[in-house]
Amino acid sequence: DNKTIVEMDPGSFRTFDTNYFVNVKKNRGLFQSDAALLTDNEAQSYINQQFEYLSFFSDFAVSMEKMGRIGVLTGTRGQIRRHSASQLTELHFIIVGD
C-alpha cells in the first residue's frame, strides 16, 4: 500500500518542537535507528539535553549551517542512483560536532 501515511512525530507533526525526543525516550520512535539512539551513551545523553528547548533550537541552527556547507555535485559531476540502498550501507547525519 503506497498510500499509507505514518507521522514521524505523532502528536506534533505540524509543530517544530522537541516532541521527537520525548517519543524516542519513551521507546516510541518510528524507525529502528530511533531506538538505536538509546543504546549509545553519548546519543542518549544528547537526547536528554534536547528536552531543553534552547539547546534544541541552537543545535538545529548549527546543523543547518553545516549542511549548507556540504558541496552538492551538479550537472555531469553529480550521480543519479537507481538503487541507492545497494550502494550505501550506512548514512549518518552529524548534527553536532565535527
N, C-alpha and C. Protein backbone atom coordinates (compact mmCIF):
# COMPACT_ATOMS: atom_id res chain seq x y z
N ASP A 1 0.84 -1.18 0.00
CA ASP A 1 0.00 0.00 0.00
C ASP A 1 0.89 1.23 0.00
N ASN A 2 0.99 1.91 -1.10
CA ASN A 2 1.85 3.08 -1.18
C ASN A 2 1.14 4.38 -0.81
N LYS A 3 -0.06 4.27 -0.24
CA LYS A 3 -0.80 5.46 0.17
C LYS A 3 -0.92 5.58 1.68
N THR A 4 -0.30 4.69 2.41
CA THR A 4 -0.34 4.77 3.87
C THR A 4 0.58 5.89 4.33
N ILE A 5 0.06 6.73 5.18
CA ILE A 5 0.83 7.85 5.72
C ILE A 5 1.05 7.60 7.21
N VAL A 6 2.29 7.69 7.62
CA VAL A 6 2.64 7.50 9.02
C VAL A 6 3.37 8.75 9.50
N GLU A 7 2.89 9.31 10.58
CA GLU A 7 3.53 10.50 11.13
C GLU A 7 4.86 10.11 11.77
N MET A 8 5.92 10.81 11.41
CA MET A 8 7.23 10.55 12.01
C MET A 8 7.32 11.13 13.41
N ASP A 9 6.47 12.09 13.71
CA ASP A 9 6.45 12.73 15.02
C ASP A 9 4.99 12.82 15.48
N PRO A 10 4.39 11.68 15.84
CA PRO A 10 2.97 11.68 16.19
C PRO A 10 2.64 12.67 17.31
N GLY A 11 1.58 13.40 17.12
CA GLY A 11 1.13 14.34 18.13
C GLY A 11 1.60 15.76 17.91
N SER A 12 2.69 15.92 17.18
CA SER A 12 3.15 17.30 16.93
C SER A 12 3.80 17.42 15.56
N PHE A 13 3.27 16.71 14.59
CA PHE A 13 3.88 16.72 13.26
C PHE A 13 3.77 18.07 12.57
N ARG A 14 2.93 18.96 13.06
CA ARG A 14 2.81 20.29 12.46
C ARG A 14 3.55 21.35 13.26
N THR A 15 4.24 20.93 14.31
CA THR A 15 4.92 21.86 15.20
C THR A 15 6.41 21.54 15.23
N PHE A 16 7.23 22.56 15.16
CA PHE A 16 8.68 22.39 15.25
C PHE A 16 9.06 22.47 16.72
N ASP A 17 9.22 21.28 17.34
CA ASP A 17 9.45 21.23 18.78
C ASP A 17 10.34 20.04 19.14
N THR A 18 10.43 19.73 20.42
CA THR A 18 11.28 18.64 20.89
C THR A 18 10.51 17.35 21.12
N ASN A 19 9.28 17.26 20.64
CA ASN A 19 8.46 16.08 20.89
C ASN A 19 9.08 14.80 20.34
N TYR A 20 9.82 14.90 19.25
CA TYR A 20 10.50 13.71 18.70
C TYR A 20 11.36 13.05 19.78
N PHE A 21 12.10 13.85 20.53
CA PHE A 21 12.98 13.31 21.57
C PHE A 21 12.19 12.71 22.72
N VAL A 22 11.03 13.29 23.01
CA VAL A 22 10.14 12.73 24.04
C VAL A 22 9.71 11.33 23.62
N ASN A 23 9.30 11.19 22.34
CA ASN A 23 8.88 9.89 21.83
C ASN A 23 10.01 8.88 21.84
N VAL A 24 11.19 9.28 21.44
CA VAL A 24 12.34 8.36 21.44
C VAL A 24 12.62 7.90 22.86
N LYS A 25 12.60 8.81 23.80
CA LYS A 25 12.87 8.48 25.20
C LYS A 25 11.86 7.47 25.74
N LYS A 26 10.61 7.53 25.24
CA LYS A 26 9.55 6.61 25.67
C LYS A 26 9.52 5.33 24.82
N ASN A 27 10.58 5.12 24.01
CA ASN A 27 10.64 3.96 23.11
C ASN A 27 9.49 3.97 22.10
N ARG A 28 9.11 5.14 21.63
CA ARG A 28 8.04 5.26 20.65
C ARG A 28 8.55 5.82 19.32
N GLY A 29 9.82 5.62 19.05
CA GLY A 29 10.38 6.07 17.78
C GLY A 29 9.82 5.24 16.64
N LEU A 30 9.75 5.82 15.48
CA LEU A 30 9.18 5.13 14.32
C LEU A 30 10.17 4.18 13.66
N PHE A 31 11.43 4.55 13.64
CA PHE A 31 12.43 3.78 12.92
C PHE A 31 13.34 3.00 13.88
N GLN A 32 13.95 1.96 13.37
CA GLN A 32 14.90 1.20 14.16
C GLN A 32 16.06 2.09 14.60
N SER A 33 16.44 3.03 13.76
CA SER A 33 17.53 3.95 14.11
C SER A 33 17.15 4.85 15.30
N ASP A 34 15.85 5.13 15.47
CA ASP A 34 15.41 5.91 16.63
C ASP A 34 15.68 5.13 17.91
N ALA A 35 15.33 3.85 17.92
CA ALA A 35 15.55 3.00 19.09
C ALA A 35 17.04 2.83 19.36
N ALA A 36 17.82 2.79 18.30
CA ALA A 36 19.27 2.59 18.45
C ALA A 36 19.92 3.77 19.18
N LEU A 37 19.30 4.94 19.11
CA LEU A 37 19.86 6.11 19.82
C LEU A 37 19.95 5.87 21.32
N LEU A 38 19.06 5.04 21.84
CA LEU A 38 19.04 4.79 23.28
C LEU A 38 20.08 3.76 23.71
N THR A 39 20.73 3.12 22.76
CA THR A 39 21.73 2.11 23.10
C THR A 39 23.14 2.69 23.19
N ASP A 40 23.29 3.94 22.81
CA ASP A 40 24.59 4.60 22.83
C ASP A 40 24.57 5.68 23.92
N ASN A 41 25.51 5.63 24.84
CA ASN A 41 25.53 6.57 25.96
C ASN A 41 25.60 8.03 25.51
N GLU A 42 26.44 8.31 24.51
CA GLU A 42 26.58 9.69 24.04
C GLU A 42 25.29 10.19 23.39
N ALA A 43 24.67 9.33 22.56
CA ALA A 43 23.42 9.71 21.91
C ALA A 43 22.31 9.88 22.94
N GLN A 44 22.27 9.01 23.93
CA GLN A 44 21.24 9.09 24.96
C GLN A 44 21.40 10.38 25.77
N SER A 45 22.62 10.74 26.07
CA SER A 45 22.89 11.99 26.77
C SER A 45 22.41 13.18 25.95
N TYR A 46 22.65 13.13 24.65
CA TYR A 46 22.22 14.20 23.75
C TYR A 46 20.69 14.31 23.75
N ILE A 47 20.01 13.17 23.70
CA ILE A 47 18.55 13.17 23.73
C ILE A 47 18.05 13.82 25.00
N ASN A 48 18.65 13.49 26.13
CA ASN A 48 18.24 14.09 27.40
C ASN A 48 18.43 15.59 27.39
N GLN A 49 19.47 16.08 26.75
CA GLN A 49 19.73 17.52 26.67
C GLN A 49 18.68 18.24 25.82
N GLN A 50 18.09 17.54 24.88
CA GLN A 50 17.18 18.18 23.93
C GLN A 50 15.83 18.53 24.53
N PHE A 51 15.57 18.09 25.75
CA PHE A 51 14.33 18.48 26.40
C PHE A 51 14.36 19.97 26.75
N GLU A 52 15.53 20.54 26.73
CA GLU A 52 15.66 21.98 26.95
C GLU A 52 15.55 22.65 25.58
N TYR A 53 14.48 23.40 25.36
CA TYR A 53 14.23 23.98 24.05
C TYR A 53 15.40 24.80 23.52
N LEU A 54 16.04 25.58 24.37
CA LEU A 54 17.11 26.44 23.89
C LEU A 54 18.23 25.63 23.29
N SER A 55 18.55 24.50 23.89
CA SER A 55 19.59 23.63 23.35
C SER A 55 19.17 23.07 22.00
N PHE A 56 17.95 22.62 21.88
CA PHE A 56 17.47 22.04 20.64
C PHE A 56 17.54 23.03 19.49
N PHE A 57 16.99 24.21 19.70
CA PHE A 57 16.94 25.18 18.61
C PHE A 57 18.32 25.68 18.21
N SER A 58 19.21 25.87 19.17
CA SER A 58 20.56 26.32 18.81
C SER A 58 21.33 25.21 18.11
N ASP A 59 21.17 23.96 18.56
CA ASP A 59 21.82 22.83 17.89
C ASP A 59 21.29 22.66 16.47
N PHE A 60 19.99 22.85 16.29
CA PHE A 60 19.40 22.73 14.97
C PHE A 60 19.95 23.80 14.03
N ALA A 61 20.09 25.01 14.54
CA ALA A 61 20.63 26.11 13.73
C ALA A 61 22.05 25.78 13.28
N VAL A 62 22.87 25.25 14.18
CA VAL A 62 24.25 24.88 13.84
C VAL A 62 24.25 23.79 12.77
N SER A 63 23.35 22.80 12.92
CA SER A 63 23.32 21.71 11.95
C SER A 63 22.92 22.20 10.57
N MET A 64 21.99 23.17 10.49
CA MET A 64 21.57 23.72 9.20
C MET A 64 22.72 24.47 8.54
N GLU A 65 23.49 25.19 9.34
CA GLU A 65 24.66 25.90 8.78
C GLU A 65 25.66 24.90 8.22
N LYS A 66 25.90 23.81 8.94
CA LYS A 66 26.85 22.80 8.46
C LYS A 66 26.36 22.13 7.19
N MET A 67 25.07 21.81 7.13
CA MET A 67 24.55 21.17 5.92
C MET A 67 24.60 22.12 4.74
N GLY A 68 24.51 23.41 5.00
CA GLY A 68 24.60 24.39 3.94
C GLY A 68 25.99 24.46 3.32
N ARG A 69 26.99 23.97 4.04
CA ARG A 69 28.36 23.97 3.53
C ARG A 69 28.72 22.69 2.79
N ILE A 70 27.80 21.73 2.75
CA ILE A 70 28.06 20.47 2.05
C ILE A 70 28.05 20.75 0.55
N GLY A 71 29.08 20.34 -0.11
CA GLY A 71 29.14 20.54 -1.55
C GLY A 71 28.25 19.56 -2.28
N VAL A 72 27.32 20.06 -3.06
CA VAL A 72 26.41 19.22 -3.83
C VAL A 72 26.93 19.15 -5.26
N LEU A 73 27.09 17.94 -5.76
CA LEU A 73 27.55 17.76 -7.12
C LEU A 73 26.38 17.93 -8.07
N THR A 74 26.57 18.75 -9.09
CA THR A 74 25.50 19.00 -10.05
C THR A 74 26.01 18.74 -11.45
N GLY A 75 25.06 18.71 -12.39
CA GLY A 75 25.42 18.50 -13.79
C GLY A 75 26.11 17.17 -14.01
N THR A 76 27.17 17.18 -14.80
CA THR A 76 27.89 15.93 -15.11
C THR A 76 28.73 15.44 -13.94
N ARG A 77 28.94 16.29 -12.92
CA ARG A 77 29.72 15.88 -11.75
C ARG A 77 28.87 15.07 -10.77
N GLY A 78 27.55 15.20 -10.86
CA GLY A 78 26.64 14.50 -9.96
C GLY A 78 26.41 13.07 -10.41
N GLN A 79 25.66 12.34 -9.60
CA GLN A 79 25.38 10.93 -9.90
C GLN A 79 23.95 10.62 -9.48
N ILE A 80 23.18 10.03 -10.38
CA ILE A 80 21.83 9.58 -10.06
C ILE A 80 21.88 8.09 -9.85
N ARG A 81 21.40 7.64 -8.70
CA ARG A 81 21.42 6.21 -8.38
C ARG A 81 20.01 5.66 -8.42
N ARG A 82 19.85 4.60 -9.18
CA ARG A 82 18.53 3.98 -9.24
C ARG A 82 18.27 3.11 -8.01
N HIS A 83 19.32 2.50 -7.46
CA HIS A 83 19.20 1.63 -6.29
C HIS A 83 20.24 2.06 -5.26
N SER A 84 19.98 3.17 -4.60
CA SER A 84 20.97 3.72 -3.69
C SER A 84 21.22 2.82 -2.50
N ALA A 85 20.24 2.04 -2.07
CA ALA A 85 20.42 1.17 -0.90
C ALA A 85 21.50 0.13 -1.15
N SER A 86 21.66 -0.29 -2.39
CA SER A 86 22.68 -1.29 -2.68
C SER A 86 24.08 -0.69 -2.70
N GLN A 87 24.18 0.62 -2.86
CA GLN A 87 25.48 1.28 -2.91
C GLN A 87 25.87 1.93 -1.60
N LEU A 88 24.90 2.22 -0.76
CA LEU A 88 25.17 2.85 0.53
C LEU A 88 24.76 1.90 1.64
N THR A 89 25.69 1.57 2.50
CA THR A 89 25.34 0.69 3.61
C THR A 89 24.91 1.47 4.83
N GLU A 90 25.45 2.66 5.01
CA GLU A 90 25.09 3.49 6.16
C GLU A 90 25.05 4.94 5.74
N LEU A 91 24.14 5.67 6.34
CA LEU A 91 24.05 7.10 6.09
C LEU A 91 23.97 7.78 7.45
N HIS A 92 24.92 8.65 7.72
CA HIS A 92 24.98 9.31 9.02
C HIS A 92 24.83 10.81 8.82
N PHE A 93 23.98 11.42 9.62
CA PHE A 93 23.87 12.86 9.67
C PHE A 93 24.49 13.31 10.97
N ILE A 94 25.51 14.12 10.90
CA ILE A 94 26.14 14.63 12.11
C ILE A 94 25.47 15.94 12.46
N ILE A 95 24.76 15.94 13.57
CA ILE A 95 24.00 17.12 13.96
C ILE A 95 24.88 18.12 14.69
N VAL A 96 25.66 17.63 15.62
CA VAL A 96 26.50 18.50 16.42
C VAL A 96 27.89 17.91 16.44
N GLY A 97 28.89 18.74 16.41
CA GLY A 97 30.27 18.28 16.45
C GLY A 97 30.91 18.39 15.10
N ASP A 98 32.11 17.87 15.00
CA ASP A 98 32.84 17.95 13.73
C ASP A 98 32.59 16.76 12.87
